[in-house]
C-alpha atoms as a PDB file:
ATOM      1  CA  MET A   1       0.000   0.000   0.000  1.00  0.00           C
ATOM      2  CA  THR A   2       1.275   3.428  -0.791  1.00  0.00           C
ATOM      3  CA  THR A   3       1.198   6.081   1.888  1.00  0.00           C
ATOM      4  CA  ASN A   4      -1.797   7.634   0.130  1.00  0.00           C
ATOM      5  CA  THR A   5      -3.818   4.397   0.100  1.00  0.00           C
ATOM      6  CA  ALA A   6      -6.156   3.713   3.008  1.00  0.00           C
ATOM      7  CA  ARG A   7      -5.737   0.371   4.689  1.00  0.00           C
ATOM      8  CA  PRO A   8      -8.627  -1.928   3.668  1.00  0.00           C
ATOM      9  CA  ASP A   9     -10.977  -3.467   6.204  1.00  0.00           C
ATOM     10  CA  VAL A  10      -9.528  -6.759   7.404  1.00  0.00           C
ATOM     11  CA  LEU A  11     -12.222  -9.083   8.730  1.00  0.00           C
ATOM     12  CA  ARG A  12     -11.502 -12.064  10.934  1.00  0.00           C
ATOM     13  CA  TYR A  13     -13.533 -15.251  10.668  1.00  0.00           C
ATOM     14  CA  THR A  14     -13.096 -18.794  11.843  1.00  0.00           C
ATOM     15  CA  ALA A  15     -14.062 -21.676   9.565  1.00  0.00           C
ATOM     16  CA  PHE A  16     -15.325 -25.172  10.393  1.00  0.00           C
ATOM     17  CA  SER A  17     -16.731 -24.159  13.777  1.00  0.00           C
ATOM     18  CA  SER A  18     -19.633 -21.950  14.836  1.00  0.00           C
ATOM     19  CA  ASP A  19     -17.583 -21.029  17.928  1.00  0.00           C
ATOM     20  CA  PRO A  20     -15.051 -18.207  17.384  1.00  0.00           C
ATOM     21  CA  GLU A  21     -12.675 -20.110  19.684  1.00  0.00           C
ATOM     22  CA  GLY A  22     -12.802 -23.213  17.482  1.00  0.00           C
ATOM     23  CA  GLY A  23     -11.948 -24.036  13.897  1.00  0.00           C
ATOM     24  CA  ASN A  24      -9.337 -22.232  11.824  1.00  0.00           C
ATOM     25  CA  PRO A  25      -9.157 -18.419  11.824  1.00  0.00           C
ATOM     26  CA  ALA A  26      -8.582 -16.516   8.589  1.00  0.00           C
ATOM     27  CA  GLY A  27      -8.234 -12.910   7.607  1.00  0.00           C
ATOM     28  CA  VAL A  28     -10.663 -11.770   4.899  1.00  0.00           C
ATOM     29  CA  VAL A  29     -10.263  -8.651   2.761  1.00  0.00           C
ATOM     30  CA  LEU A  30     -13.399  -8.218   0.653  1.00  0.00           C
ATOM     31  CA  ASP A  31     -11.861  -5.476  -1.500  1.00  0.00           C
ATOM     32  CA  ALA A  32      -8.160  -5.940  -2.187  1.00  0.00           C
ATOM     33  CA  SER A  33      -8.155  -3.961  -5.433  1.00  0.00           C
ATOM     34  CA  ALA A  34      -5.721  -1.380  -4.064  1.00  0.00           C
ATOM     35  CA  LEU A  35      -3.249  -3.967  -2.716  1.00  0.00           C
ATOM     36  CA  ASP A  36      -0.196  -5.448  -4.405  1.00  0.00           C
ATOM     37  CA  ASP A  37       1.421  -8.780  -3.556  1.00  0.00           C
ATOM     38  CA  ALA A  38       3.688  -7.262  -0.908  1.00  0.00           C
ATOM     39  CA  ASP A  39       0.708  -5.584   0.775  1.00  0.00           C
ATOM     40  CA  MET A  40      -1.247  -8.834   0.923  1.00  0.00           C
ATOM     41  CA  LEU A  41       1.722 -10.751   2.307  1.00  0.00           C
ATOM     42  CA  ALA A  42       2.303  -8.045   4.922  1.00  0.00           C
ATOM     43  CA  ILE A  43      -1.329  -8.178   6.076  1.00  0.00           C
ATOM     44  CA  ALA A  44      -1.212 -11.990   6.277  1.00  0.00           C
ATOM     45  CA  ALA A  45       2.041 -11.863   8.252  1.00  0.00           C
ATOM     46  CA  GLU A  46       0.645  -9.240  10.633  1.00  0.00           C
ATOM     47  CA  LEU A  47      -2.453 -11.336  11.303  1.00  0.00           C
ATOM     48  CA  GLY A  48      -0.375 -14.472  11.805  1.00  0.00           C
ATOM     49  CA  TYR A  49      -3.168 -16.837  10.770  1.00  0.00           C
ATOM     50  CA  SER A  50      -2.285 -19.821   8.616  1.00  0.00           C
ATOM     51  CA  GLU A  51      -3.916 -18.053   5.649  1.00  0.00           C
ATOM     52  CA  SER A  52      -5.779 -14.892   4.745  1.00  0.00           C
ATOM     53  CA  ALA A  53      -7.965 -14.320   1.676  1.00  0.00           C
ATOM     54  CA  PHE A  54      -8.079 -11.307  -0.635  1.00  0.00           C
ATOM     55  CA  LEU A  55     -10.856 -10.578  -3.147  1.00  0.00           C
ATOM     56  CA  THR A  56     -10.660  -8.649  -6.394  1.00  0.00           C
ATOM     57  CA  ALA A  57     -12.797  -8.479  -9.533  1.00  0.00           C
ATOM     58  CA  PRO A  58     -13.429 -11.762 -11.368  1.00  0.00           C
ATOM     59  CA  PRO A  59     -11.606 -12.617 -14.591  1.00  0.00           C
ATOM     60  CA  GLU A  60     -13.564 -12.336 -17.807  1.00  0.00           C
ATOM     61  CA  GLY A  61     -15.610 -15.450 -18.508  1.00  0.00           C
ATOM     62  CA  LEU A  62     -15.649 -16.796 -14.940  1.00  0.00           C
ATOM     63  CA  GLY A  63     -19.424 -16.941 -14.839  1.00  0.00           C
ATOM     64  CA  GLY A  64     -21.636 -16.537 -11.812  1.00  0.00           C
ATOM     65  CA  ARG A  65     -24.066 -13.762 -11.013  1.00  0.00           C
ATOM     66  CA  GLU A  66     -22.907 -10.168 -10.809  1.00  0.00           C
ATOM     67  CA  GLY A  67     -21.675  -9.391  -7.321  1.00  0.00           C
ATOM     68  CA  ARG A  68     -21.255 -13.083  -6.514  1.00  0.00           C
ATOM     69  CA  ALA A  69     -18.124 -13.928  -8.526  1.00  0.00           C
ATOM     70  CA  TYR A  70     -14.574 -12.957  -7.567  1.00  0.00           C
ATOM     71  CA  THR A  71     -10.898 -13.607  -7.939  1.00  0.00           C
ATOM     72  CA  ILE A  72      -9.572 -14.872  -4.606  1.00  0.00           C
ATOM     73  CA  ARG A  73      -5.941 -15.133  -3.528  1.00  0.00           C
ATOM     74  CA  PHE A  74      -4.522 -16.692  -0.394  1.00  0.00           C
ATOM     75  CA  PHE A  75      -1.438 -15.709   1.579  1.00  0.00           C
ATOM     76  CA  SER A  76       0.158 -17.423   4.563  1.00  0.00           C
ATOM     77  CA  PRO A  77       2.519 -15.380   6.766  1.00  0.00           C
ATOM     78  CA  LYS A  78       5.396 -16.532   4.517  1.00  0.00           C
ATOM     79  CA  ALA A  79       4.086 -17.005   0.972  1.00  0.00           C
ATOM     80  CA  GLU A  80       1.146 -17.131  -1.407  1.00  0.00           C
ATOM     81  CA  VAL A  81      -0.793 -20.410  -1.476  1.00  0.00           C
ATOM     82  CA  SER A  82      -2.549 -21.737  -4.580  1.00  0.00           C
ATOM     83  CA  PHE A  83      -5.710 -22.753  -2.732  1.00  0.00           C
ATOM     84  CA  CYS A  84      -6.975 -22.610   0.844  1.00  0.00           C
ATOM     85  CA  GLY A  85     -10.218 -24.271   1.862  1.00  0.00           C
ATOM     86  CA  HIS A  86     -10.804 -22.699   5.258  1.00  0.00           C
ATOM     87  CA  ALA A  87     -10.179 -19.152   3.995  1.00  0.00           C
ATOM     88  CA  THR A  88     -12.567 -19.854   1.090  1.00  0.00           C
ATOM     89  CA  VAL A  89     -15.258 -20.926   3.553  1.00  0.00           C
ATOM     90  CA  ALA A  90     -14.547 -17.909   5.778  1.00  0.00           C
ATOM     91  CA  THR A  91     -14.806 -15.546   2.802  1.00  0.00           C
ATOM     92  CA  ALA A  92     -18.031 -17.132   1.563  1.00  0.00           C
ATOM     93  CA  LEU A  93     -19.606 -16.745   4.996  1.00  0.00           C
ATOM     94  CA  ALA A  94     -18.454 -13.124   5.244  1.00  0.00           C
ATOM     95  CA  LEU A  95     -20.039 -12.397   1.865  1.00  0.00           C
ATOM     96  CA  ALA A  96     -23.240 -14.268   2.774  1.00  0.00           C
ATOM     97  CA  GLU A  97     -23.666 -12.157   5.896  1.00  0.00           C
ATOM     98  CA  ARG A  98     -23.674  -9.097   3.639  1.00  0.00           C
ATOM     99  CA  THR A  99     -25.524 -10.286   0.522  1.00  0.00           C
ATOM    100  CA  GLY A 100     -27.381 -13.370   1.736  1.00  0.00           C
ATOM    101  CA  PRO A 101     -26.936 -17.129   1.222  1.00  0.00           C
ATOM    102  CA  GLY A 102     -26.661 -18.585  -2.241  1.00  0.00           C
ATOM    103  CA  GLU A 103     -24.114 -19.502  -4.860  1.00  0.00           C
ATOM    104  CA  LEU A 104     -20.688 -17.898  -5.243  1.00  0.00           C
ATOM    105  CA  VAL A 105     -17.896 -18.521  -7.732  1.00  0.00           C
ATOM    106  CA  PHE A 106     -14.208 -17.974  -7.000  1.00  0.00           C
ATOM    107  CA  ALA A 107     -11.321 -17.935  -9.445  1.00  0.00           C
ATOM    108  CA  THR A 108      -8.280 -19.374  -7.653  1.00  0.00           C
ATOM    109  CA  GLN A 109      -4.784 -20.130  -8.888  1.00  0.00           C
ATOM    110  CA  ALA A 110      -5.788 -23.805  -8.843  1.00  0.00           C
ATOM    111  CA  GLY A 111      -8.938 -23.278 -10.916  1.00  0.00           C
ATOM    112  CA  THR A 112     -12.593 -22.356 -10.496  1.00  0.00           C
ATOM    113  CA  VAL A 113     -14.127 -23.168  -7.108  1.00  0.00           C
ATOM    114  CA  PRO A 114     -17.917 -22.838  -6.687  1.00  0.00           C
ATOM    115  CA  VAL A 115     -19.257 -22.335  -3.173  1.00  0.00           C
ATOM    116  CA  GLU A 116     -22.824 -22.610  -1.942  1.00  0.00           C
ATOM    117  CA  VAL A 117     -23.893 -21.015   1.338  1.00  0.00           C
ATOM    118  CA  VAL A 118     -27.081 -22.137   3.058  1.00  0.00           C
ATOM    119  CA  GLU A 119     -28.707 -21.265   6.367  1.00  0.00           C
ATOM    120  CA  GLU A 120     -29.534 -24.181   8.654  1.00  0.00           C
ATOM    121  CA  GLY A 121     -31.233 -23.416  11.950  1.00  0.00           C
ATOM    122  CA  GLY A 122     -29.911 -19.886  11.969  1.00  0.00           C
ATOM    123  CA  VAL A 123     -26.340 -20.994  11.204  1.00  0.00           C
ATOM    124  CA  LEU A 124     -24.661 -20.341   7.869  1.00  0.00           C
ATOM    125  CA  ARG A 125     -22.800 -23.250   6.283  1.00  0.00           C
ATOM    126  CA  ALA A 126     -20.611 -23.095   3.196  1.00  0.00           C
ATOM    127  CA  THR A 127     -19.834 -25.950   0.811  1.00  0.00           C
ATOM    128  CA  LEU A 128     -16.948 -25.597  -1.610  1.00  0.00           C
ATOM    129  CA  THR A 129     -16.494 -27.847  -4.625  1.00  0.00           C
ATOM    130  CA  SER A 130     -12.853 -28.646  -5.354  1.00  0.00           C
ATOM    131  CA  VAL A 131     -11.069 -28.686  -8.666  1.00  0.00           C
ATOM    132  CA  GLU A 132     -10.569 -32.158 -10.106  1.00  0.00           C
ATOM    133  CA  PRO A 133      -8.228 -34.090  -7.794  1.00  0.00           C
ATOM    134  CA  ARG A 134      -5.311 -36.385  -8.516  1.00  0.00           C
ATOM    135  CA  ILE A 135      -3.278 -38.852  -6.454  1.00  0.00           C
ATOM    136  CA  GLU A 136       0.464 -39.603  -6.770  1.00  0.00           C
ATOM    137  CA  GLU A 137       2.782 -42.133  -5.211  1.00  0.00           C
ATOM    138  CA  ILE A 138       5.643 -40.940  -3.029  1.00  0.00           C
ATOM    139  CA  ALA A 139       9.191 -42.233  -3.408  1.00  0.00           C
ATOM    140  CA  ASP A 140      10.474 -44.475  -0.630  1.00  0.00           C
ATOM    141  CA  ASP A 141      13.327 -42.089   0.197  1.00  0.00           C
ATOM    142  CA  ASP A 142      10.949 -39.136   0.472  1.00  0.00           C
ATOM    143  CA  LEU A 143       8.600 -41.112   2.701  1.00  0.00           C
ATOM    144  CA  ALA A 144      11.497 -42.083   4.947  1.00  0.00           C
ATOM    145  CA  GLU A 145      12.533 -38.435   5.180  1.00  0.00           C
ATOM    146  CA  ALA A 146       8.993 -37.363   6.078  1.00  0.00           C
ATOM    147  CA  LEU A 147       8.759 -39.969   8.815  1.00  0.00           C
ATOM    148  CA  GLY A 148      12.201 -38.987  10.077  1.00  0.00           C
ATOM    149  CA  ALA A 149      11.198 -35.331  10.267  1.00  0.00           C
ATOM    150  CA  LEU A 150       7.996 -36.257  12.113  1.00  0.00           C
ATOM    151  CA  GLY A 151       9.793 -38.672  14.419  1.00  0.00           C
ATOM    152  CA  TRP A 152       7.337 -41.409  13.462  1.00  0.00           C
ATOM    153  CA  PRO A 153       8.600 -44.990  13.165  1.00  0.00           C
ATOM    154  CA  ALA A 154       7.190 -46.699  10.079  1.00  0.00           C
ATOM    155  CA  ALA A 155       5.585 -49.248  12.422  1.00  0.00           C
ATOM    156  CA  ASP A 156       3.318 -46.476  13.741  1.00  0.00           C
ATOM    157  CA  LEU A 157       1.569 -46.121  10.364  1.00  0.00           C
ATOM    158  CA  ASP A 158      -1.775 -47.768   9.624  1.00  0.00           C
ATOM    159  CA  PRO A 159      -0.959 -50.389   6.958  1.00  0.00           C
ATOM    160  CA  ALA A 160      -4.439 -50.039   5.430  1.00  0.00           C
ATOM    161  CA  PHE A 161      -3.613 -46.476   4.294  1.00  0.00           C
ATOM    162  CA  ALA A 162      -0.837 -46.330   1.721  1.00  0.00           C
ATOM    163  CA  PRO A 163       1.142 -43.074   1.876  1.00  0.00           C
ATOM    164  CA  ARG A 164       0.297 -40.887  -1.106  1.00  0.00           C
ATOM    165  CA  ILE A 165       0.469 -37.291  -2.277  1.00  0.00           C
ATOM    166  CA  ALA A 166      -3.065 -36.014  -2.901  1.00  0.00           C
ATOM    167  CA  PHE A 167      -4.132 -32.871  -4.751  1.00  0.00           C
ATOM    168  CA  ALA A 168      -7.495 -31.097  -4.858  1.00  0.00           C
ATOM    169  CA  GLY A 169      -6.219 -27.561  -5.343  1.00  0.00           C
ATOM    170  CA  ALA A 170      -3.014 -27.966  -3.329  1.00  0.00           C
ATOM    171  CA  ARG A 171      -0.620 -30.867  -2.712  1.00  0.00           C
ATOM    172  CA  HIS A 172      -0.696 -32.761   0.596  1.00  0.00           C
ATOM    173  CA  LEU A 173       1.179 -35.831   1.780  1.00  0.00           C
ATOM    174  CA  VAL A 174      -1.324 -38.201   3.412  1.00  0.00           C
ATOM    175  CA  LEU A 175      -0.020 -40.379   6.247  1.00  0.00           C
ATOM    176  CA  ALA A 176      -2.252 -42.449   8.535  1.00  0.00           C
ATOM    177  CA  ALA A 177      -1.455 -43.139  12.170  1.00  0.00           C
ATOM    178  CA  ALA A 178      -2.245 -46.573  13.576  1.00  0.00           C
ATOM    179  CA  THR A 179      -3.505 -45.103  16.882  1.00  0.00           C
ATOM    180  CA  ARG A 180      -5.077 -41.919  18.190  1.00  0.00           C
ATOM    181  CA  ALA A 181      -2.183 -41.621  20.641  1.00  0.00           C
ATOM    182  CA  ARG A 182       0.289 -41.536  17.759  1.00  0.00           C
ATOM    183  CA  LEU A 183      -1.671 -38.741  16.097  1.00  0.00           C
ATOM    184  CA  ALA A 184      -1.860 -36.776  19.358  1.00  0.00           C
ATOM    185  CA  ASP A 185       1.896 -36.953  19.912  1.00  0.00           C
ATOM    186  CA  LEU A 186       3.129 -34.449  17.336  1.00  0.00           C
ATOM    187  CA  ALA A 187       6.529 -32.841  17.922  1.00  0.00           C
ATOM    188  CA  TYR A 188       8.351 -32.616  14.619  1.00  0.00           C
ATOM    189  CA  ASP A 189      11.555 -31.140  13.190  1.00  0.00           C
ATOM    190  CA  PHE A 190      10.209 -27.889  11.699  1.00  0.00           C
ATOM    191  CA  ALA A 191      13.162 -27.068   9.434  1.00  0.00           C
ATOM    192  CA  ARG A 192      13.629 -30.642   8.215  1.00  0.00           C
ATOM    193  CA  LEU A 193       9.971 -31.111   7.306  1.00  0.00           C
ATOM    194  CA  GLU A 194       9.813 -27.649   5.723  1.00  0.00           C
ATOM    195  CA  ALA A 195      12.765 -28.454   3.463  1.00  0.00           C
ATOM    196  CA  LEU A 196      11.161 -31.702   2.272  1.00  0.00           C
ATOM    197  CA  MET A 197       7.827 -30.012   1.674  1.00  0.00           C
ATOM    198  CA  HIS A 198       9.432 -27.284  -0.425  1.00  0.00           C
ATOM    199  CA  ARG A 199      11.219 -29.919  -2.496  1.00  0.00           C
ATOM    200  CA  LEU A 200       7.977 -31.870  -3.079  1.00  0.00           C
ATOM    201  CA  ALA A 201       5.818 -28.701  -3.462  1.00  0.00           C
ATOM    202  CA  LEU A 202       3.588 -29.752  -0.555  1.00  0.00           C
ATOM    203  CA  THR A 203       1.235 -27.379   1.235  1.00  0.00           C
ATOM    204  CA  THR A 204       0.638 -29.507   4.344  1.00  0.00           C
ATOM    205  CA  VAL A 205       1.148 -33.028   5.582  1.00  0.00           C
ATOM    206  CA  GLN A 206      -2.286 -34.550   6.218  1.00  0.00           C
ATOM    207  CA  LEU A 207      -1.996 -36.843   9.241  1.00  0.00           C
ATOM    208  CA  VAL A 208      -5.082 -38.989   9.825  1.00  0.00           C
ATOM    209  CA  TRP A 209      -6.453 -41.583  12.217  1.00  0.00           C
ATOM    210  CA  ARG A 210      -9.580 -43.567  11.416  1.00  0.00           C
ATOM    211  CA  GLU A 211     -12.134 -43.717  14.230  1.00  0.00           C
ATOM    212  CA  SER A 212     -14.836 -45.503  12.248  1.00  0.00           C
ATOM    213  CA  ALA A 213     -15.915 -46.203   8.678  1.00  0.00           C
ATOM    214  CA  THR A 214     -16.666 -42.542   7.957  1.00  0.00           C
ATOM    215  CA  VAL A 215     -15.157 -40.615  10.888  1.00  0.00           C
ATOM    216  CA  PHE A 216     -11.531 -39.472  10.950  1.00  0.00           C
ATOM    217  CA  HIS A 217      -9.312 -37.317  13.124  1.00  0.00           C
ATOM    218  CA  VAL A 218      -6.734 -35.226  11.263  1.00  0.00           C
ATOM    219  CA  ARG A 219      -3.809 -32.870  11.871  1.00  0.00           C
ATOM    220  CA  ASP A 220      -1.857 -30.757   9.383  1.00  0.00           C
ATOM    221  CA  PRO A 221       1.715 -29.584   9.988  1.00  0.00           C
ATOM    222  CA  PHE A 222       2.252 -26.427   7.902  1.00  0.00           C
ATOM    223  CA  PRO A 223       5.879 -25.279   8.277  1.00  0.00           C
ATOM    224  CA  VAL A 224       6.034 -23.936   4.706  1.00  0.00           C
ATOM    225  CA  GLY A 225       3.356 -21.418   5.722  1.00  0.00           C
ATOM    226  CA  GLY A 226       5.269 -20.311   8.784  1.00  0.00           C
ATOM    227  CA  VAL A 227       2.993 -21.995  11.330  1.00  0.00           C
ATOM    228  CA  VAL A 228       3.540 -25.242  13.192  1.00  0.00           C
ATOM    229  CA  GLU A 229       0.058 -26.605  12.553  1.00  0.00           C
ATOM    230  CA  ASP A 230      -3.068 -25.644  10.637  1.00  0.00           C
ATOM    231  CA  PRO A 231      -6.139 -25.974  12.929  1.00  0.00           C
ATOM    232  CA  ALA A 232      -8.667 -26.993  10.227  1.00  0.00           C
ATOM    233  CA  THR A 233      -7.666 -27.548   6.621  1.00  0.00           C
ATOM    234  CA  GLY A 234     -10.314 -27.556   3.903  1.00  0.00           C
ATOM    235  CA  ALA A 235      -7.902 -28.070   1.009  1.00  0.00           C
ATOM    236  CA  ALA A 236      -6.367 -31.090   2.730  1.00  0.00           C
ATOM    237  CA  ALA A 237      -9.832 -32.433   3.556  1.00  0.00           C
ATOM    238  CA  ALA A 238     -10.730 -32.323  -0.136  1.00  0.00           C
ATOM    239  CA  ALA A 239      -7.469 -34.027  -1.055  1.00  0.00           C
ATOM    240  CA  PHE A 240      -8.039 -36.684   1.601  1.00  0.00           C
ATOM    241  CA  GLY A 241     -11.552 -37.403   0.330  1.00  0.00           C
ATOM    242  CA  ALA A 242     -10.174 -38.016  -3.151  1.00  0.00           C
ATOM    243  CA  TYR A 243      -7.362 -40.157  -1.724  1.00  0.00           C
ATOM    244  CA  ALA A 244      -9.705 -42.296   0.390  1.00  0.00           C
ATOM    245  CA  ARG A 245     -12.043 -42.890  -2.543  1.00  0.00           C
ATOM    246  CA  GLU A 246      -9.283 -43.754  -5.025  1.00  0.00           C
ATOM    247  CA  LEU A 247      -7.703 -46.246  -2.627  1.00  0.00           C
ATOM    248  CA  GLY A 248     -11.084 -47.886  -1.978  1.00  0.00           C
ATOM    249  CA  LEU A 249     -11.055 -46.946   1.711  1.00  0.00           C
ATOM    250  CA  VAL A 250     -14.544 -45.431   1.461  1.00  0.00           C
ATOM    251  CA  PRO A 251     -17.404 -45.868  -1.035  1.00  0.00           C
ATOM    252  CA  GLU A 252     -17.507 -43.754  -4.184  1.00  0.00           C
ATOM    253  CA  ASP A 253     -20.624 -42.106  -2.764  1.00  0.00           C
ATOM    254  CA  ALA A 254     -19.966 -41.166   0.856  1.00  0.00           C
ATOM    255  CA  VAL A 255     -20.148 -38.471   3.511  1.00  0.00           C
ATOM    256  CA  LEU A 256     -17.096 -38.311   5.775  1.00  0.00           C
ATOM    257  CA  THR A 257     -16.647 -36.385   9.023  1.00  0.00           C
ATOM    258  CA  LEU A 258     -13.191 -35.031   9.821  1.00  0.00           C
ATOM    259  CA  HIS A 259     -12.412 -33.761  13.324  1.00  0.00           C
ATOM    260  CA  GLN A 260      -9.471 -31.390  13.487  1.00  0.00           C
ATOM    261  CA  GLY A 261      -8.037 -28.939  15.971  1.00  0.00           C
ATOM    262  CA  GLU A 262      -8.852 -30.893  19.125  1.00  0.00           C
ATOM    263  CA  ASP A 263      -5.177 -31.303  19.990  1.00  0.00           C
ATOM    264  CA  LEU A 264      -4.679 -27.541  19.565  1.00  0.00           C
ATOM    265  CA  GLY A 265      -7.650 -26.564  21.700  1.00  0.00           C
ATOM    266  CA  ARG A 266      -9.513 -25.268  18.603  1.00  0.00           C
ATOM    267  CA  PRO A 267     -11.920 -28.107  17.733  1.00  0.00           C
ATOM    268  CA  GLY A 268     -13.511 -28.000  14.309  1.00  0.00           C
ATOM    269  CA  GLU A 269     -15.538 -30.289  12.070  1.00  0.00           C
ATOM    270  CA  LEU A 270     -15.251 -30.688   8.310  1.00  0.00           C
ATOM    271  CA  THR A 271     -17.802 -32.586   6.219  1.00  0.00           C
ATOM    272  CA  VAL A 272     -16.415 -34.226   3.072  1.00  0.00           C
ATOM    273  CA  THR A 273     -18.932 -35.371   0.462  1.00  0.00           C
ATOM    274  CA  LEU A 274     -18.101 -37.734  -2.408  1.00  0.00           C
ATOM    275  CA  ARG A 275     -20.525 -38.294  -5.271  1.00  0.00           C
ATOM    276  CA  THR A 276     -20.560 -41.178  -7.735  1.00  0.00           C
ATOM    277  CA  GLY A 277     -19.660 -39.985 -11.213  1.00  0.00           C
ATOM    278  CA  ASP A 278     -18.157 -36.687 -10.064  1.00  0.00           C
ATOM    279  CA  PRO A 279     -14.406 -36.718  -9.338  1.00  0.00           C
ATOM    280  CA  ARG A 280     -14.598 -33.409  -7.469  1.00  0.00           C
ATOM    281  CA  VAL A 281     -14.856 -33.305  -3.691  1.00  0.00           C
ATOM    282  CA  ARG A 282     -17.169 -31.129  -1.609  1.00  0.00           C
ATOM    283  CA  VAL A 283     -16.075 -29.770   1.751  1.00  0.00           C
ATOM    284  CA  SER A 284     -18.596 -28.137   4.091  1.00  0.00           C
ATOM    285  CA  GLY A 285     -18.487 -26.314   7.357  1.00  0.00           C
ATOM    286  CA  ALA A 286     -19.904 -23.596   9.537  1.00  0.00           C
ATOM    287  CA  GLY A 287     -18.054 -20.486  10.664  1.00  0.00           C
ATOM    288  CA  ALA A 288     -18.174 -17.441  12.884  1.00  0.00           C
ATOM    289  CA  ARG A 289     -16.889 -13.903  12.946  1.00  0.00           C
ATOM    290  CA  ILE A 290     -14.080 -13.257  15.425  1.00  0.00           C
ATOM    291  CA  GLY A 291     -14.433 -10.088  17.457  1.00  0.00           C
END
């Protein structure tokens, strides 16, 4: 921002919890037209949340109704991120509070992401639809390095969940813990994991533990974003849904519940919906304004 440019309003919302003390907080700037990249990064760093979202006018041909289509960019305290689920949900809820529930369309670096906001019992919920996902294998040496950085022996992994890199707008390494205790005990080598993630172009590491057929607990180390852990991660939830379906761990048509943030004292809940015949993944959650 130049010295002659007024600082834009920076809203604060949490996503994937109706309690401001739960879920994942995000900064939201509904009009970032006067900001350059350095301004957006500075605002994100000042807030210190895992990501903040910045809206500008939509690109030509995006579609969507006038006033309900935007370009959205995401910045962590350290860098721009191609896609962020929780900041998308937070932004959609902020817009819905001003213009009402309904359909929104966002142009992201990863592709077009539609979002629908509905009101249920006086609570707004947003559902984003991911870009088309893909799943990749991870090299044995890279897996060994990830486990070494986490301090996880290979024997602590759930053998039913093959390690994979999953993408649904951003890349995440999916690793499954054999026990809830293993998932809860997270004390990793920040610099070592960050270096591996930069080399593999990963956004987070999606750590999961299966409670039941459709209920999972997850955690997401995020050193490349400058934070130790992301409290609730919509992009990783979408990637995990695609991963679980492709590996046959869940039906092609399924609704999954992901609990995240409990170990950080910020509990949140993400709903992941898979539909037969549609490779995209839907991620839903509530939210709340902070302050």
